Amino acid sequence: MSRIGNAPIDIPQGVTITVDNNIVTVKGPKGELKQELSEGMKVSQEDGVLTIERPSES
């Protein structure tokens, strides 16, 4: 994965992120966005930072 793909994503104030199965939902003052991720992707949210990992580099 590229270095940009490895970078953690800072979550701005007023934005909420939920993960349900493989669907990530982002809600904020400008609206809502839903994105389905591929199987095996790991999403973690901690201290205002979102990290996404894929299962392998191949």
N, C-alpha and C. Protein backbone atom coordinates (compact mmCIF):
# COMPACT_ATOMS: atom_id res chain seq x y z
N MET A 1 0.85 -1.17 0.00
CA MET A 1 0.00 0.00 0.00
C MET A 1 0.89 1.23 0.00
N SER A 2 0.45 2.24 -0.67
CA SER A 2 1.23 3.47 -0.72
C SER A 2 1.32 4.10 0.67
N ARG A 3 2.25 5.01 0.82
CA ARG A 3 2.39 5.68 2.12
C ARG A 3 1.15 6.48 2.47
N ILE A 4 0.51 7.07 1.47
CA ILE A 4 -0.73 7.81 1.73
C ILE A 4 -1.80 6.87 2.25
N GLY A 5 -1.85 5.67 1.69
CA GLY A 5 -2.83 4.68 2.14
C GLY A 5 -2.59 4.21 3.56
N ASN A 6 -1.39 4.34 4.06
CA ASN A 6 -1.07 3.94 5.43
C ASN A 6 -1.29 5.06 6.43
N ALA A 7 -1.50 6.27 5.97
CA ALA A 7 -1.61 7.42 6.87
C ALA A 7 -2.94 7.39 7.63
N PRO A 8 -2.90 7.65 8.94
CA PRO A 8 -4.14 7.75 9.71
C PRO A 8 -4.91 9.00 9.28
N ILE A 9 -6.22 8.95 9.44
CA ILE A 9 -7.10 10.05 9.02
C ILE A 9 -7.61 10.75 10.27
N ASP A 10 -7.30 12.04 10.42
CA ASP A 10 -7.82 12.83 11.53
C ASP A 10 -9.29 13.10 11.30
N ILE A 11 -10.11 12.91 12.34
CA ILE A 11 -11.54 13.14 12.24
C ILE A 11 -11.83 14.53 12.79
N PRO A 12 -12.37 15.43 11.95
CA PRO A 12 -12.66 16.79 12.41
C PRO A 12 -13.77 16.81 13.47
N GLN A 13 -13.78 17.84 14.27
CA GLN A 13 -14.82 18.03 15.27
C GLN A 13 -16.17 18.17 14.57
N GLY A 14 -17.20 17.55 15.12
CA GLY A 14 -18.53 17.62 14.53
C GLY A 14 -18.81 16.52 13.51
N VAL A 15 -17.84 15.65 13.28
CA VAL A 15 -17.99 14.54 12.33
C VAL A 15 -18.03 13.24 13.12
N THR A 16 -19.00 12.37 12.79
CA THR A 16 -19.08 11.07 13.42
C THR A 16 -18.90 9.99 12.37
N ILE A 17 -18.23 8.92 12.75
CA ILE A 17 -17.98 7.81 11.85
C ILE A 17 -18.46 6.53 12.53
N THR A 18 -19.26 5.75 11.80
CA THR A 18 -19.71 4.46 12.30
C THR A 18 -19.35 3.39 11.29
N VAL A 19 -19.05 2.20 11.80
CA VAL A 19 -18.72 1.06 10.94
C VAL A 19 -19.68 -0.06 11.29
N ASP A 20 -20.45 -0.53 10.30
CA ASP A 20 -21.39 -1.62 10.49
C ASP A 20 -21.13 -2.64 9.40
N ASN A 21 -20.63 -3.81 9.80
CA ASN A 21 -20.14 -4.82 8.86
C ASN A 21 -19.05 -4.17 8.02
N ASN A 22 -19.21 -4.08 6.72
CA ASN A 22 -18.18 -3.46 5.87
C ASN A 22 -18.64 -2.11 5.33
N ILE A 23 -19.62 -1.50 5.97
CA ILE A 23 -20.12 -0.20 5.51
C ILE A 23 -19.70 0.88 6.51
N VAL A 24 -18.95 1.85 6.00
CA VAL A 24 -18.49 2.98 6.82
C VAL A 24 -19.40 4.16 6.52
N THR A 25 -19.96 4.76 7.56
CA THR A 25 -20.84 5.92 7.41
C THR A 25 -20.19 7.12 8.09
N VAL A 26 -20.07 8.21 7.35
CA VAL A 26 -19.50 9.45 7.87
C VAL A 26 -20.59 10.51 7.84
N LYS A 27 -20.88 11.10 9.00
CA LYS A 27 -21.90 12.15 9.11
C LYS A 27 -21.25 13.42 9.64
N GLY A 28 -21.60 14.53 9.00
CA GLY A 28 -21.05 15.81 9.43
C GLY A 28 -22.00 16.93 9.07
N PRO A 29 -21.56 18.17 9.27
CA PRO A 29 -22.42 19.33 9.02
C PRO A 29 -22.80 19.50 7.55
N LYS A 30 -22.05 18.90 6.63
CA LYS A 30 -22.35 19.05 5.21
C LYS A 30 -23.12 17.87 4.62
N GLY A 31 -23.44 16.87 5.46
CA GLY A 31 -24.20 15.74 4.97
C GLY A 31 -23.67 14.40 5.45
N GLU A 32 -24.02 13.37 4.69
CA GLU A 32 -23.68 12.00 5.07
C GLU A 32 -23.10 11.27 3.87
N LEU A 33 -22.13 10.39 4.13
CA LEU A 33 -21.48 9.60 3.09
C LEU A 33 -21.38 8.16 3.58
N LYS A 34 -21.75 7.21 2.70
CA LYS A 34 -21.61 5.79 3.03
C LYS A 34 -20.70 5.15 1.99
N GLN A 35 -19.80 4.28 2.46
CA GLN A 35 -18.88 3.59 1.56
C GLN A 35 -18.74 2.14 2.01
N GLU A 36 -18.93 1.22 1.08
CA GLU A 36 -18.73 -0.19 1.39
C GLU A 36 -17.28 -0.56 1.13
N LEU A 37 -16.65 -1.21 2.10
CA LEU A 37 -15.26 -1.62 1.98
C LEU A 37 -15.18 -3.09 1.56
N SER A 38 -14.07 -3.47 0.96
CA SER A 38 -13.84 -4.86 0.57
C SER A 38 -13.75 -5.74 1.80
N GLU A 39 -14.02 -7.03 1.61
CA GLU A 39 -13.91 -8.00 2.70
C GLU A 39 -12.50 -8.00 3.27
N GLY A 40 -12.39 -8.15 4.57
CA GLY A 40 -11.09 -8.25 5.21
C GLY A 40 -10.47 -6.93 5.64
N MET A 41 -11.05 -5.82 5.21
CA MET A 41 -10.52 -4.51 5.62
C MET A 41 -10.82 -4.30 7.10
N LYS A 42 -9.84 -3.78 7.83
CA LYS A 42 -10.01 -3.51 9.26
C LYS A 42 -10.05 -2.00 9.47
N VAL A 43 -11.10 -1.54 10.12
CA VAL A 43 -11.27 -0.11 10.40
C VAL A 43 -11.26 0.07 11.91
N SER A 44 -10.41 0.96 12.39
CA SER A 44 -10.39 1.26 13.82
C SER A 44 -10.42 2.77 14.02
N GLN A 45 -11.16 3.16 15.05
CA GLN A 45 -11.32 4.58 15.37
C GLN A 45 -10.91 4.76 16.82
N GLU A 46 -9.93 5.64 17.05
CA GLU A 46 -9.41 5.84 18.39
C GLU A 46 -8.92 7.27 18.56
N ASP A 47 -9.38 7.95 19.59
CA ASP A 47 -8.91 9.30 19.92
C ASP A 47 -8.99 10.27 18.75
N GLY A 48 -10.09 10.23 17.99
CA GLY A 48 -10.27 11.17 16.89
C GLY A 48 -9.45 10.87 15.65
N VAL A 49 -8.95 9.63 15.54
CA VAL A 49 -8.16 9.22 14.38
C VAL A 49 -8.72 7.92 13.83
N LEU A 50 -8.88 7.86 12.51
CA LEU A 50 -9.38 6.67 11.82
C LEU A 50 -8.22 5.98 11.12
N THR A 51 -8.11 4.66 11.32
CA THR A 51 -7.06 3.88 10.68
C THR A 51 -7.71 2.74 9.91
N ILE A 52 -7.29 2.54 8.66
CA ILE A 52 -7.82 1.47 7.83
C ILE A 52 -6.66 0.58 7.40
N GLU A 53 -6.83 -0.74 7.60
CA GLU A 53 -5.79 -1.70 7.23
C GLU A 53 -6.38 -2.75 6.31
N ARG A 54 -5.61 -3.16 5.33
CA ARG A 54 -6.06 -4.26 4.48
C ARG A 54 -5.38 -5.54 4.94
N PRO A 55 -5.92 -6.70 4.57
CA PRO A 55 -5.41 -7.96 5.12
C PRO A 55 -3.99 -8.31 4.69
N SER A 56 -3.56 -7.93 3.48
CA SER A 56 -2.21 -8.26 3.04
C SER A 56 -1.72 -7.23 2.04
N GLU A 57 -0.44 -7.27 1.75
CA GLU A 57 0.16 -6.32 0.81
C GLU A 57 0.10 -6.81 -0.63
N SER A 58 -0.40 -8.02 -0.87
CA SER A 58 -0.41 -8.56 -2.23
C SER A 58 -1.68 -8.25 -2.97
